[in-house]
Amino acid sequence: PISRYDQLADQVYNQAKRNDIYRNFTYGAQLMLWGFFKKTVIALGSLEHGAGLTTVCLALSNFLCNKAGKKTAYVELNTSNEISSLAQNCRLDTFTYLGIHIYPHRTFTSLAEVLRSDYDYILLDMGVLNTYSAREFTKYEKQFLICSLSSWKKKKTKEKLSKLLETTEIPTESITILSNCCKKESTFRVSPSVSFPVLFVPFIQNPFQLHLEILPYLGKILGQY
C-alpha cells in the first residue's frame, strides 16, 4: 500500500523526526561500509625472549589463511628481523609465504600502510613489550600475551606483568594470556583487582605444519573467525 499525505506530512515537516531519519540512515550506511571493509587486527606480545611468540603468531596466521580461508597478513614489529629468512630475497619489503602476506622488520610509523590494506586479519608480532609498545599493544581489537605459567616461572611472570602495568597504566580488560602450562587454569591473578583470562596453546614445533590435534586449540584462541 502507498502511504497518503496525512500519514507522511508529520515526518516531512517535523525537524526532530527528520533528524532521526537522517541519523538512522547514516548509521545504517556506516554499518554497511564497515561490513564491506572490516578487518580484525590481533596484537601479540610477550614478557621475555624465547617465549614462543613468533611461532604462535605464525601458527595463527597459517591457521587463518590456510584453514579458515581468510586473507591474512603477518607484521614483524619486533627487532629480531628473523622472518626475512623465509624470503628468497631478504631485501624484499614484503613477500608471500604459503599464502600469508608477510611484512618483515616493520616499525609503528610504517604500520599505517599495512592497516589500510585489504586484509581480513592482520597479526602484529610485537616482541617483548616495553613501556611504548605496551600502549600500542592495547589499541587493537584482540590482544594476546604469551607468558610462561609453569610452577617455577609463575612468580617471575607475575612480577614482570605487575611492573609493566604500573609503568604503563594500560587497560587490561581485553588482554588474554596464552600459555602451554595452563590446561587447568582459566584465569591468572596478578593482584586482588587485576586478573587475566588464560587460554591453553599447545607446543608447536613448526608453525607451517599444523597437526590435526593443534587445530581445535587455535580455533578456540581465535574464537569466531
N, C-alpha and C. Protein backbone atom coordinates (compact mmCIF):
# COMPACT_ATOMS: atom_id res chain seq x y z
N PRO A 1 0.83 -1.21 0.00
CA PRO A 1 0.00 0.00 0.00
C PRO A 1 0.86 1.25 0.00
N ILE A 2 0.34 2.33 -0.64
CA ILE A 2 1.05 3.60 -0.73
C ILE A 2 0.54 4.52 0.36
N SER A 3 1.45 5.06 1.18
CA SER A 3 1.05 5.96 2.27
C SER A 3 0.55 7.27 1.71
N ARG A 4 -0.45 7.86 2.39
CA ARG A 4 -1.03 9.12 1.96
C ARG A 4 -0.35 10.30 2.66
N TYR A 5 -0.67 11.51 2.16
CA TYR A 5 -0.05 12.74 2.67
C TYR A 5 -0.25 12.90 4.17
N ASP A 6 -1.46 12.63 4.65
CA ASP A 6 -1.74 12.85 6.07
C ASP A 6 -0.96 11.89 6.97
N GLN A 7 -0.45 10.80 6.38
CA GLN A 7 0.36 9.86 7.14
C GLN A 7 1.84 10.23 7.14
N LEU A 8 2.28 10.97 6.12
CA LEU A 8 3.70 11.29 5.96
C LEU A 8 4.06 12.74 6.28
N ALA A 9 3.07 13.64 6.27
CA ALA A 9 3.36 15.06 6.41
C ALA A 9 4.09 15.37 7.71
N ASP A 10 3.68 14.71 8.78
CA ASP A 10 4.30 14.99 10.08
C ASP A 10 5.79 14.64 10.06
N GLN A 11 6.16 13.56 9.38
CA GLN A 11 7.57 13.17 9.31
C GLN A 11 8.38 14.13 8.44
N VAL A 12 7.73 14.66 7.40
CA VAL A 12 8.42 15.56 6.47
C VAL A 12 8.68 16.92 7.12
N TYR A 13 7.69 17.45 7.84
CA TYR A 13 7.80 18.81 8.37
C TYR A 13 8.34 18.87 9.81
N ASN A 14 8.41 17.74 10.48
CA ASN A 14 8.91 17.71 11.86
C ASN A 14 10.43 17.57 11.82
N GLN A 15 11.12 18.64 12.26
CA GLN A 15 12.59 18.66 12.18
C GLN A 15 13.22 17.53 13.01
N ALA A 16 12.69 17.27 14.20
CA ALA A 16 13.26 16.24 15.07
C ALA A 16 13.18 14.87 14.41
N LYS A 17 12.03 14.59 13.78
CA LYS A 17 11.88 13.29 13.12
C LYS A 17 12.79 13.20 11.90
N ARG A 18 12.97 14.34 11.18
CA ARG A 18 13.88 14.33 10.04
C ARG A 18 15.30 14.02 10.50
N ASN A 19 15.66 14.60 11.66
CA ASN A 19 16.99 14.32 12.20
C ASN A 19 17.16 12.84 12.57
N ASP A 20 16.08 12.26 13.14
CA ASP A 20 16.14 10.84 13.49
C ASP A 20 16.29 9.97 12.24
N ILE A 21 15.55 10.32 11.20
CA ILE A 21 15.64 9.56 9.95
C ILE A 21 17.05 9.66 9.37
N TYR A 22 17.62 10.88 9.41
CA TYR A 22 18.98 11.08 8.88
C TYR A 22 20.00 10.28 9.69
N ARG A 23 19.86 10.33 11.02
CA ARG A 23 20.79 9.59 11.87
C ARG A 23 20.70 8.08 11.62
N ASN A 24 19.46 7.57 11.51
CA ASN A 24 19.28 6.15 11.26
C ASN A 24 19.86 5.74 9.90
N PHE A 25 19.65 6.60 8.90
CA PHE A 25 20.16 6.30 7.56
C PHE A 25 21.69 6.27 7.55
N THR A 26 22.30 7.31 8.15
CA THR A 26 23.76 7.38 8.13
C THR A 26 24.38 6.25 8.96
N TYR A 27 23.75 5.91 10.09
CA TYR A 27 24.27 4.82 10.92
C TYR A 27 24.20 3.50 10.16
N GLY A 28 23.08 3.29 9.45
CA GLY A 28 22.95 2.07 8.65
C GLY A 28 23.99 1.99 7.55
N ALA A 29 24.24 3.15 6.89
CA ALA A 29 25.25 3.19 5.84
C ALA A 29 26.64 2.90 6.40
N GLN A 30 26.92 3.44 7.60
CA GLN A 30 28.22 3.17 8.22
C GLN A 30 28.39 1.69 8.53
N LEU A 31 27.32 1.05 9.01
CA LEU A 31 27.39 -0.39 9.29
C LEU A 31 27.64 -1.19 8.03
N MET A 32 27.00 -0.78 6.92
CA MET A 32 27.21 -1.48 5.65
C MET A 32 28.65 -1.34 5.18
N LEU A 33 29.18 -0.12 5.27
CA LEU A 33 30.57 0.10 4.86
C LEU A 33 31.53 -0.65 5.75
N TRP A 34 31.25 -0.68 7.06
CA TRP A 34 32.10 -1.43 7.99
C TRP A 34 32.11 -2.92 7.62
N GLY A 35 30.93 -3.43 7.20
CA GLY A 35 30.86 -4.83 6.80
C GLY A 35 31.68 -5.13 5.57
N PHE A 36 31.70 -4.16 4.62
CA PHE A 36 32.47 -4.37 3.39
C PHE A 36 33.97 -4.35 3.64
N PHE A 37 34.43 -3.48 4.53
CA PHE A 37 35.85 -3.24 4.68
C PHE A 37 36.42 -3.71 6.02
N LYS A 38 35.60 -4.38 6.81
CA LYS A 38 36.02 -4.76 8.15
C LYS A 38 37.25 -5.66 8.12
N LYS A 39 38.17 -5.39 9.01
CA LYS A 39 39.31 -6.28 9.22
C LYS A 39 39.54 -6.39 10.72
N THR A 40 40.12 -7.49 11.14
CA THR A 40 40.43 -7.70 12.54
C THR A 40 41.93 -7.64 12.73
N VAL A 41 42.37 -6.80 13.66
CA VAL A 41 43.79 -6.66 13.96
C VAL A 41 44.06 -7.33 15.31
N ILE A 42 44.98 -8.29 15.31
CA ILE A 42 45.32 -9.03 16.53
C ILE A 42 46.76 -8.70 16.92
N ALA A 43 46.93 -8.20 18.12
CA ALA A 43 48.26 -7.86 18.62
C ALA A 43 48.73 -8.97 19.56
N LEU A 44 49.98 -9.41 19.36
CA LEU A 44 50.57 -10.44 20.22
C LEU A 44 51.90 -9.94 20.76
N GLY A 45 52.09 -10.09 22.06
CA GLY A 45 53.33 -9.67 22.70
C GLY A 45 53.75 -10.67 23.75
N SER A 46 54.92 -10.48 24.32
CA SER A 46 55.42 -11.36 25.37
C SER A 46 56.15 -10.54 26.42
N LEU A 47 56.54 -11.20 27.49
CA LEU A 47 57.25 -10.53 28.58
C LEU A 47 58.74 -10.85 28.57
N GLU A 48 59.15 -11.84 27.76
CA GLU A 48 60.55 -12.23 27.72
C GLU A 48 60.87 -12.87 26.38
N HIS A 49 62.14 -12.89 26.04
CA HIS A 49 62.58 -13.54 24.82
C HIS A 49 62.48 -15.05 24.97
N GLY A 50 62.24 -15.72 23.85
CA GLY A 50 62.18 -17.18 23.86
C GLY A 50 60.89 -17.76 24.36
N ALA A 51 59.83 -16.95 24.44
CA ALA A 51 58.54 -17.43 24.94
C ALA A 51 57.73 -18.15 23.87
N GLY A 52 58.20 -18.13 22.62
CA GLY A 52 57.47 -18.77 21.54
C GLY A 52 56.49 -17.86 20.84
N LEU A 53 56.66 -16.56 21.01
CA LEU A 53 55.72 -15.59 20.45
C LEU A 53 55.62 -15.68 18.94
N THR A 54 56.75 -15.62 18.24
CA THR A 54 56.73 -15.63 16.78
C THR A 54 56.14 -16.93 16.25
N THR A 55 56.46 -18.04 16.90
CA THR A 55 55.92 -19.34 16.48
C THR A 55 54.40 -19.35 16.59
N VAL A 56 53.86 -18.88 17.70
CA VAL A 56 52.41 -18.84 17.90
C VAL A 56 51.77 -17.88 16.91
N CYS A 57 52.38 -16.73 16.70
CA CYS A 57 51.84 -15.73 15.78
C CYS A 57 51.77 -16.27 14.35
N LEU A 58 52.83 -16.96 13.93
CA LEU A 58 52.85 -17.54 12.58
C LEU A 58 51.86 -18.70 12.47
N ALA A 59 51.72 -19.48 13.54
CA ALA A 59 50.77 -20.60 13.53
C ALA A 59 49.33 -20.08 13.38
N LEU A 60 49.00 -19.01 14.10
CA LEU A 60 47.67 -18.42 13.97
C LEU A 60 47.45 -17.84 12.58
N SER A 61 48.49 -17.23 12.02
CA SER A 61 48.41 -16.69 10.67
C SER A 61 48.18 -17.81 9.66
N ASN A 62 48.90 -18.90 9.82
CA ASN A 62 48.76 -20.06 8.94
C ASN A 62 47.36 -20.65 9.06
N PHE A 63 46.86 -20.75 10.29
CA PHE A 63 45.52 -21.29 10.52
C PHE A 63 44.46 -20.43 9.82
N LEU A 64 44.55 -19.13 10.01
CA LEU A 64 43.55 -18.22 9.41
C LEU A 64 43.62 -18.26 7.88
N CYS A 65 44.82 -18.29 7.35
CA CYS A 65 44.99 -18.23 5.89
C CYS A 65 44.64 -19.55 5.22
N ASN A 66 45.17 -20.64 5.72
CA ASN A 66 45.10 -21.92 5.00
C ASN A 66 44.06 -22.89 5.55
N LYS A 67 43.52 -22.64 6.73
CA LYS A 67 42.46 -23.48 7.27
C LYS A 67 41.11 -22.77 7.24
N ALA A 68 41.13 -21.47 7.54
CA ALA A 68 39.87 -20.70 7.57
C ALA A 68 39.63 -19.94 6.27
N GLY A 69 40.62 -19.89 5.40
CA GLY A 69 40.45 -19.23 4.10
C GLY A 69 40.36 -17.73 4.17
N LYS A 70 41.01 -17.12 5.16
CA LYS A 70 40.98 -15.67 5.33
C LYS A 70 42.24 -15.03 4.72
N LYS A 71 42.06 -13.85 4.16
CA LYS A 71 43.21 -13.10 3.65
C LYS A 71 43.95 -12.51 4.84
N THR A 72 45.17 -12.97 5.05
CA THR A 72 45.87 -12.73 6.31
C THR A 72 47.24 -12.11 6.08
N ALA A 73 47.58 -11.16 6.96
CA ALA A 73 48.91 -10.53 6.94
C ALA A 73 49.57 -10.72 8.30
N TYR A 74 50.87 -11.01 8.26
CA TYR A 74 51.70 -11.08 9.47
C TYR A 74 52.69 -9.93 9.43
N VAL A 75 52.76 -9.16 10.51
CA VAL A 75 53.64 -7.99 10.57
C VAL A 75 54.65 -8.19 11.69
N GLU A 76 55.93 -8.15 11.34
CA GLU A 76 57.00 -8.28 12.33
C GLU A 76 57.34 -6.90 12.87
N LEU A 77 56.93 -6.65 14.12
CA LEU A 77 57.17 -5.36 14.75
C LEU A 77 58.23 -5.44 15.84
N ASN A 78 58.89 -6.60 15.94
CA ASN A 78 59.98 -6.71 16.90
C ASN A 78 61.30 -6.45 16.18
N THR A 79 62.39 -6.43 16.90
CA THR A 79 63.69 -6.03 16.33
C THR A 79 64.52 -7.21 15.87
N SER A 80 63.97 -8.43 15.94
CA SER A 80 64.79 -9.60 15.62
C SER A 80 65.09 -9.73 14.13
N ASN A 81 64.14 -9.31 13.29
CA ASN A 81 64.29 -9.43 11.83
C ASN A 81 64.54 -10.88 11.41
N GLU A 82 63.95 -11.83 12.13
CA GLU A 82 64.13 -13.24 11.83
C GLU A 82 63.30 -13.70 10.64
N ILE A 83 62.16 -13.05 10.44
CA ILE A 83 61.20 -13.53 9.45
C ILE A 83 61.72 -13.38 8.02
N SER A 84 62.70 -12.52 7.81
CA SER A 84 63.25 -12.32 6.46
C SER A 84 63.88 -13.59 5.91
N SER A 85 64.25 -14.53 6.78
CA SER A 85 64.87 -15.78 6.33
C SER A 85 63.91 -16.62 5.48
N LEU A 86 62.59 -16.34 5.58
CA LEU A 86 61.62 -17.08 4.78
C LEU A 86 61.57 -16.59 3.34
N ALA A 87 62.08 -15.40 3.09
CA ALA A 87 62.03 -14.81 1.75
C ALA A 87 63.23 -15.27 0.94
N GLN A 88 63.01 -15.45 -0.36
CA GLN A 88 64.12 -15.78 -1.25
C GLN A 88 65.07 -14.61 -1.40
N ASN A 89 64.49 -13.41 -1.33
CA ASN A 89 65.30 -12.20 -1.39
C ASN A 89 65.08 -11.43 -0.10
N CYS A 90 66.08 -11.43 0.79
CA CYS A 90 65.90 -10.85 2.12
C CYS A 90 65.74 -9.34 2.09
N ARG A 91 65.92 -8.71 0.92
CA ARG A 91 65.76 -7.26 0.82
C ARG A 91 64.33 -6.85 0.51
N LEU A 92 63.45 -7.82 0.31
CA LEU A 92 62.07 -7.50 -0.03
C LEU A 92 61.38 -6.80 1.13
N ASP A 93 60.58 -5.79 0.77
CA ASP A 93 59.82 -5.05 1.78
C ASP A 93 58.62 -5.84 2.27
N THR A 94 58.09 -6.69 1.41
CA THR A 94 57.00 -7.59 1.76
C THR A 94 57.05 -8.79 0.83
N PHE A 95 56.57 -9.92 1.30
CA PHE A 95 56.55 -11.12 0.45
C PHE A 95 55.44 -12.04 0.94
N THR A 96 55.16 -13.06 0.16
CA THR A 96 54.12 -14.03 0.48
C THR A 96 54.74 -15.39 0.73
N TYR A 97 54.31 -16.03 1.83
CA TYR A 97 54.81 -17.37 2.16
C TYR A 97 53.61 -18.24 2.54
N LEU A 98 53.38 -19.30 1.76
CA LEU A 98 52.23 -20.19 1.95
C LEU A 98 50.92 -19.41 2.00
N GLY A 99 50.83 -18.39 1.19
CA GLY A 99 49.60 -17.59 1.10
C GLY A 99 49.50 -16.46 2.11
N ILE A 100 50.39 -16.44 3.10
CA ILE A 100 50.37 -15.39 4.13
C ILE A 100 51.18 -14.20 3.63
N HIS A 101 50.60 -13.01 3.70
CA HIS A 101 51.33 -11.80 3.33
C HIS A 101 52.19 -11.37 4.52
N ILE A 102 53.49 -11.35 4.32
CA ILE A 102 54.42 -11.11 5.42
C ILE A 102 55.13 -9.77 5.23
N TYR A 103 55.13 -8.98 6.31
CA TYR A 103 55.81 -7.68 6.32
C TYR A 103 56.94 -7.74 7.35
N PRO A 104 58.16 -7.95 6.89
CA PRO A 104 59.26 -8.10 7.85
C PRO A 104 59.79 -6.76 8.36
N HIS A 105 60.28 -6.80 9.59
CA HIS A 105 61.05 -5.69 10.18
C HIS A 105 60.36 -4.34 10.00
N ARG A 106 59.10 -4.27 10.45
CA ARG A 106 58.34 -3.02 10.36
C ARG A 106 58.46 -2.22 11.65
N THR A 107 58.12 -0.94 11.56
CA THR A 107 58.06 -0.06 12.72
C THR A 107 56.63 0.44 12.88
N PHE A 108 56.34 1.01 14.04
CA PHE A 108 55.00 1.53 14.26
C PHE A 108 54.67 2.68 13.31
N THR A 109 55.67 3.43 12.90
CA THR A 109 55.42 4.55 11.98
C THR A 109 55.04 4.07 10.59
N SER A 110 55.48 2.87 10.20
CA SER A 110 55.15 2.35 8.87
C SER A 110 53.97 1.39 8.91
N LEU A 111 53.34 1.25 10.07
CA LEU A 111 52.25 0.29 10.21
C LEU A 111 50.96 0.74 9.54
N ALA A 112 50.76 2.05 9.44
CA ALA A 112 49.51 2.57 8.89
C ALA A 112 49.24 2.06 7.48
N GLU A 113 50.30 1.93 6.70
CA GLU A 113 50.17 1.45 5.32
C GLU A 113 49.57 0.04 5.29
N VAL A 114 50.02 -0.81 6.21
CA VAL A 114 49.51 -2.18 6.27
C VAL A 114 48.06 -2.19 6.75
N LEU A 115 47.75 -1.39 7.75
CA LEU A 115 46.40 -1.35 8.30
C LEU A 115 45.38 -0.87 7.28
N ARG A 116 45.82 -0.08 6.32
CA ARG A 116 44.91 0.40 5.27
C ARG A 116 44.68 -0.65 4.18
N SER A 117 45.48 -1.69 4.16
CA SER A 117 45.40 -2.69 3.10
C SER A 117 44.18 -3.59 3.28
N ASP A 118 43.85 -4.30 2.22
CA ASP A 118 42.63 -5.10 2.18
C ASP A 118 42.89 -6.51 2.71
N TYR A 119 42.83 -6.68 4.04
CA TYR A 119 43.01 -7.98 4.67
C TYR A 119 41.82 -8.27 5.57
N ASP A 120 41.54 -9.56 5.75
CA ASP A 120 40.54 -9.96 6.74
C ASP A 120 41.14 -9.91 8.14
N TYR A 121 42.40 -10.36 8.25
CA TYR A 121 43.10 -10.40 9.54
C TYR A 121 44.52 -9.88 9.38
N ILE A 122 44.93 -9.09 10.35
CA ILE A 122 46.32 -8.63 10.43
C ILE A 122 46.84 -9.00 11.81
N LEU A 123 47.93 -9.77 11.85
CA LEU A 123 48.52 -10.18 13.12
C LEU A 123 49.83 -9.44 13.33
N LEU A 124 49.94 -8.80 14.48
CA LEU A 124 51.10 -7.97 14.81
C LEU A 124 51.98 -8.70 15.83
N ASP A 125 53.19 -9.04 15.41
CA ASP A 125 54.17 -9.67 16.31
C ASP A 125 54.99 -8.55 16.95
N MET A 126 54.64 -8.19 18.18
CA MET A 126 55.24 -7.02 18.83
C MET A 126 56.46 -7.34 19.69
N GLY A 127 56.84 -8.62 19.75
CA GLY A 127 58.02 -8.97 20.53
C GLY A 127 57.82 -8.74 22.02
N VAL A 128 58.93 -8.55 22.73
CA VAL A 128 58.87 -8.29 24.17
C VAL A 128 58.36 -6.87 24.40
N LEU A 129 57.29 -6.75 25.15
CA LEU A 129 56.66 -5.44 25.34
C LEU A 129 57.49 -4.55 26.26
N ASN A 130 57.56 -3.27 25.89
CA ASN A 130 58.16 -2.26 26.75
C ASN A 130 57.13 -1.17 27.00
N THR A 131 57.53 -0.09 27.63
CA THR A 131 56.59 0.96 28.00
C THR A 131 55.87 1.52 26.78
N TYR A 132 56.60 1.72 25.68
CA TYR A 132 56.00 2.31 24.48
C TYR A 132 55.13 1.29 23.74
N SER A 133 55.69 0.11 23.46
CA SER A 133 54.95 -0.86 22.66
C SER A 133 53.73 -1.41 23.40
N ALA A 134 53.76 -1.41 24.74
CA ALA A 134 52.60 -1.88 25.51
C ALA A 134 51.38 -0.99 25.27
N ARG A 135 51.61 0.31 25.14
CA ARG A 135 50.49 1.22 24.86
C ARG A 135 49.93 0.98 23.46
N GLU A 136 50.82 0.72 22.49
CA GLU A 136 50.36 0.39 21.14
C GLU A 136 49.61 -0.94 21.14
N PHE A 137 50.08 -1.86 21.95
CA PHE A 137 49.52 -3.21 22.04
C PHE A 137 48.03 -3.19 22.35
N THR A 138 47.60 -2.28 23.21
CA THR A 138 46.20 -2.26 23.66
C THR A 138 45.27 -1.48 22.74
N LYS A 139 45.75 -1.01 21.60
CA LYS A 139 44.91 -0.22 20.70
C LYS A 139 44.05 -1.08 19.78
N TYR A 140 44.32 -2.38 19.72
CA TYR A 140 43.70 -3.20 18.69
C TYR A 140 42.61 -4.11 19.26
N GLU A 141 41.84 -4.74 18.33
CA GLU A 141 40.64 -5.47 18.74
C GLU A 141 40.94 -6.61 19.71
N LYS A 142 41.98 -7.38 19.41
CA LYS A 142 42.33 -8.52 20.24
C LYS A 142 43.78 -8.41 20.65
N GLN A 143 44.05 -8.76 21.92
CA GLN A 143 45.43 -8.71 22.43
C GLN A 143 45.73 -10.01 23.17
N PHE A 144 46.81 -10.67 22.74
CA PHE A 144 47.25 -11.91 23.36
C PHE A 144 48.66 -11.73 23.90
N LEU A 145 48.85 -12.15 25.13
CA LEU A 145 50.15 -12.05 25.79
C LEU A 145 50.67 -13.46 26.02
N ILE A 146 51.82 -13.77 25.41
CA ILE A 146 52.42 -15.10 25.55
C ILE A 146 53.25 -15.11 26.84
N CYS A 147 52.86 -15.95 27.79
CA CYS A 147 53.54 -16.00 29.09
C CYS A 147 53.77 -17.45 29.51
N SER A 148 54.80 -17.64 30.31
CA SER A 148 55.02 -18.94 30.93
C SER A 148 54.34 -18.95 32.30
N LEU A 149 53.45 -19.92 32.48
CA LEU A 149 52.76 -20.06 33.76
C LEU A 149 53.15 -21.37 34.44
N SER A 150 54.34 -21.87 34.12
CA SER A 150 54.83 -23.06 34.79
C SER A 150 55.08 -22.72 36.26
N SER A 151 55.06 -23.73 37.11
CA SER A 151 55.15 -23.50 38.55
C SER A 151 56.41 -22.76 38.96
N TRP A 152 57.51 -22.96 38.24
CA TRP A 152 58.77 -22.31 38.63
C TRP A 152 58.97 -20.95 37.98
N LYS A 153 58.06 -20.58 37.04
CA LYS A 153 58.18 -19.27 36.39
C LYS A 153 57.01 -18.35 36.69
N LYS A 154 55.97 -18.88 37.32
CA LYS A 154 54.75 -18.10 37.53
C LYS A 154 55.01 -16.84 38.36
N LYS A 155 55.81 -16.97 39.40
CA LYS A 155 56.10 -15.82 40.25
C LYS A 155 56.82 -14.73 39.47
N LYS A 156 57.80 -15.13 38.64
CA LYS A 156 58.53 -14.16 37.83
C LYS A 156 57.62 -13.49 36.81
N THR A 157 56.73 -14.26 36.23
CA THR A 157 55.77 -13.71 35.27
C THR A 157 54.88 -12.66 35.94
N LYS A 158 54.42 -12.97 37.15
CA LYS A 158 53.56 -12.02 37.88
C LYS A 158 54.31 -10.73 38.18
N GLU A 159 55.59 -10.84 38.56
CA GLU A 159 56.39 -9.65 38.84
C GLU A 159 56.57 -8.79 37.60
N LYS A 160 56.89 -9.42 36.47
CA LYS A 160 57.10 -8.67 35.23
C LYS A 160 55.81 -8.01 34.76
N LEU A 161 54.71 -8.72 34.86
CA LEU A 161 53.43 -8.18 34.42
C LEU A 161 52.98 -7.04 35.33
N SER A 162 53.19 -7.19 36.63
CA SER A 162 52.83 -6.12 37.57
C SER A 162 53.64 -4.86 37.29
N LYS A 163 54.93 -5.03 37.03
CA LYS A 163 55.79 -3.89 36.74
C LYS A 163 55.37 -3.19 35.46
N LEU A 164 55.01 -3.98 34.43
CA LEU A 164 54.56 -3.39 33.15
C LEU A 164 53.28 -2.61 33.35
N LEU A 165 52.36 -3.13 34.13
CA LEU A 165 51.09 -2.45 34.38
C LEU A 165 51.30 -1.16 35.17
N GLU A 166 52.22 -1.18 36.10
CA GLU A 166 52.50 0.01 36.91
C GLU A 166 53.11 1.13 36.08
N THR A 167 54.01 0.79 35.17
CA THR A 167 54.72 1.81 34.39
C THR A 167 53.92 2.32 33.20
N THR A 168 52.96 1.56 32.74
CA THR A 168 52.22 1.97 31.54
C THR A 168 50.79 2.37 31.81
N GLU A 169 50.17 1.79 32.85
CA GLU A 169 48.76 2.02 33.17
C GLU A 169 47.86 1.68 31.98
N ILE A 170 48.19 0.59 31.30
CA ILE A 170 47.41 0.19 30.14
C ILE A 170 46.10 -0.47 30.59
N PRO A 171 45.03 -0.35 29.78
CA PRO A 171 43.80 -1.06 30.11
C PRO A 171 44.00 -2.57 29.97
N THR A 172 43.42 -3.34 30.85
CA THR A 172 43.66 -4.78 30.87
C THR A 172 42.45 -5.61 30.48
N GLU A 173 41.31 -4.97 30.21
CA GLU A 173 40.06 -5.70 30.03
C GLU A 173 40.08 -6.68 28.86
N SER A 174 40.79 -6.35 27.78
CA SER A 174 40.71 -7.17 26.58
C SER A 174 41.95 -8.03 26.34
N ILE A 175 42.85 -8.10 27.32
CA ILE A 175 44.08 -8.90 27.17
C ILE A 175 43.82 -10.33 27.62
N THR A 176 44.24 -11.29 26.80
CA THR A 176 44.15 -12.71 27.14
C THR A 176 45.55 -13.29 27.15
N ILE A 177 45.85 -14.10 28.15
CA ILE A 177 47.16 -14.75 28.25
C ILE A 177 47.11 -16.11 27.55
N LEU A 178 48.13 -16.39 26.75
CA LEU A 178 48.29 -17.70 26.13
C LEU A 178 49.49 -18.40 26.77
N SER A 179 49.31 -19.63 27.17
CA SER A 179 50.40 -20.37 27.82
C SER A 179 50.24 -21.85 27.53
N ASN A 180 51.37 -22.56 27.47
CA ASN A 180 51.31 -24.02 27.26
C ASN A 180 51.43 -24.77 28.58
N CYS A 181 51.24 -24.07 29.69
CA CYS A 181 51.34 -24.71 31.02
C CYS A 181 50.09 -24.48 31.84
N CYS A 182 48.94 -24.39 31.20
CA CYS A 182 47.76 -23.94 31.95
C CYS A 182 46.49 -24.70 31.58
N LYS A 183 46.58 -25.99 31.31
CA LYS A 183 45.40 -26.73 30.88
C LYS A 183 44.26 -26.65 31.89
N LYS A 184 44.60 -26.52 33.18
CA LYS A 184 43.58 -26.49 34.23
C LYS A 184 43.26 -25.09 34.72
N GLU A 185 43.97 -24.08 34.20
CA GLU A 185 43.77 -22.72 34.68
C GLU A 185 42.95 -21.91 33.68
N SER A 186 42.00 -21.13 34.18
CA SER A 186 41.20 -20.29 33.30
C SER A 186 41.46 -18.81 33.52
N THR A 187 42.09 -18.46 34.66
CA THR A 187 42.45 -17.07 34.94
C THR A 187 43.82 -17.03 35.62
N PHE A 188 44.48 -15.90 35.47
CA PHE A 188 45.76 -15.67 36.15
C PHE A 188 45.65 -14.36 36.90
N ARG A 189 45.71 -14.41 38.22
CA ARG A 189 45.52 -13.23 39.05
C ARG A 189 46.86 -12.58 39.34
N VAL A 190 46.98 -11.30 38.97
CA VAL A 190 48.20 -10.54 39.19
C VAL A 190 48.13 -9.79 40.51
N SER A 191 46.94 -9.31 40.83
CA SER A 191 46.70 -8.59 42.08
C SER A 191 45.25 -8.85 42.49
N PRO A 192 44.84 -8.42 43.68
CA PRO A 192 43.45 -8.64 44.08
C PRO A 192 42.42 -8.05 43.11
N SER A 193 42.81 -7.00 42.39
CA SER A 193 41.86 -6.33 41.49
C SER A 193 42.10 -6.60 40.01
N VAL A 194 43.20 -7.28 39.67
CA VAL A 194 43.54 -7.49 38.26
C VAL A 194 43.78 -8.97 38.00
N SER A 195 43.03 -9.52 37.05
CA SER A 195 43.25 -10.90 36.62
C SER A 195 43.01 -10.98 35.11
N PHE A 196 43.61 -11.98 34.50
CA PHE A 196 43.53 -12.14 33.05
C PHE A 196 42.96 -13.51 32.70
N PRO A 197 42.11 -13.60 31.68
CA PRO A 197 41.70 -14.93 31.20
C PRO A 197 42.89 -15.63 30.56
N VAL A 198 42.93 -16.95 30.69
CA VAL A 198 44.04 -17.75 30.19
C VAL A 198 43.51 -18.80 29.23
N LEU A 199 44.18 -18.95 28.09
CA LEU A 199 43.86 -20.00 27.13
C LEU A 199 45.10 -20.85 26.91
N PHE A 200 44.88 -22.13 26.76
CA PHE A 200 45.99 -23.06 26.55
C PHE A 200 46.40 -23.06 25.08
N VAL A 201 47.70 -22.98 24.83
CA VAL A 201 48.24 -23.14 23.48
C VAL A 201 49.25 -24.28 23.52
N PRO A 202 49.07 -25.30 22.72
CA PRO A 202 49.98 -26.45 22.77
C PRO A 202 51.35 -26.11 22.20
N PHE A 203 52.31 -26.97 22.49
CA PHE A 203 53.64 -26.80 21.91
C PHE A 203 53.56 -26.97 20.40
N ILE A 204 54.11 -26.01 19.67
CA ILE A 204 54.06 -26.01 18.20
C ILE A 204 55.50 -26.09 17.69
N GLN A 205 55.82 -27.21 17.08
CA GLN A 205 57.19 -27.41 16.60
C GLN A 205 57.45 -26.62 15.33
N ASN A 206 56.47 -26.64 14.41
CA ASN A 206 56.60 -25.93 13.14
C ASN A 206 55.29 -25.21 12.85
N PRO A 207 55.29 -23.87 12.84
CA PRO A 207 54.03 -23.14 12.62
C PRO A 207 53.45 -23.31 11.23
N PHE A 208 54.24 -23.84 10.30
CA PHE A 208 53.74 -24.03 8.93
C PHE A 208 53.32 -25.48 8.67
N GLN A 209 53.41 -26.33 9.68
CA GLN A 209 52.93 -27.70 9.59
C GLN A 209 52.06 -27.96 10.82
N LEU A 210 50.79 -27.63 10.71
CA LEU A 210 49.88 -27.71 11.85
C LEU A 210 49.23 -29.10 11.90
N HIS A 211 49.50 -29.84 12.97
CA HIS A 211 48.91 -31.16 13.13
C HIS A 211 47.44 -31.03 13.55
N LEU A 212 46.67 -32.07 13.25
CA LEU A 212 45.23 -32.03 13.48
C LEU A 212 44.88 -31.75 14.93
N GLU A 213 45.68 -32.29 15.88
CA GLU A 213 45.33 -32.11 17.29
C GLU A 213 45.54 -30.68 17.76
N ILE A 214 46.28 -29.88 16.99
CA ILE A 214 46.54 -28.49 17.37
C ILE A 214 45.40 -27.57 16.93
N LEU A 215 44.73 -27.93 15.84
CA LEU A 215 43.75 -27.04 15.22
C LEU A 215 42.62 -26.60 16.16
N PRO A 216 42.03 -27.48 16.98
CA PRO A 216 40.95 -27.02 17.87
C PRO A 216 41.41 -25.94 18.85
N TYR A 217 42.65 -26.03 19.31
CA TYR A 217 43.16 -25.02 20.26
C TYR A 217 43.32 -23.67 19.56
N LEU A 218 43.83 -23.69 18.33
CA LEU A 218 43.98 -22.42 17.60
C LEU A 218 42.63 -21.81 17.28
N GLY A 219 41.67 -22.66 16.92
CA GLY A 219 40.31 -22.16 16.66
C GLY A 219 39.67 -21.55 17.90
N LYS A 220 39.93 -22.16 19.06
CA LYS A 220 39.38 -21.61 20.31
C LYS A 220 40.01 -20.27 20.64
N ILE A 221 41.32 -20.13 20.41
CA ILE A 221 42.01 -18.86 20.67
C ILE A 221 41.42 -17.75 19.83
N LEU A 222 41.16 -18.05 18.56
CA LEU A 222 40.67 -17.03 17.64
C LEU A 222 39.18 -16.79 17.76
N GLY A 223 38.46 -17.71 18.41
CA GLY A 223 37.02 -17.54 18.56
C GLY A 223 36.33 -17.70 17.22
N GLN A 224 35.33 -16.91 16.95
CA GLN A 224 34.60 -16.99 15.70
C GLN A 224 35.34 -16.19 14.65
N TYR A 225 36.12 -16.87 13.85
CA TYR A 225 36.89 -16.20 12.80
C TYR A 225 36.08 -16.08 11.53
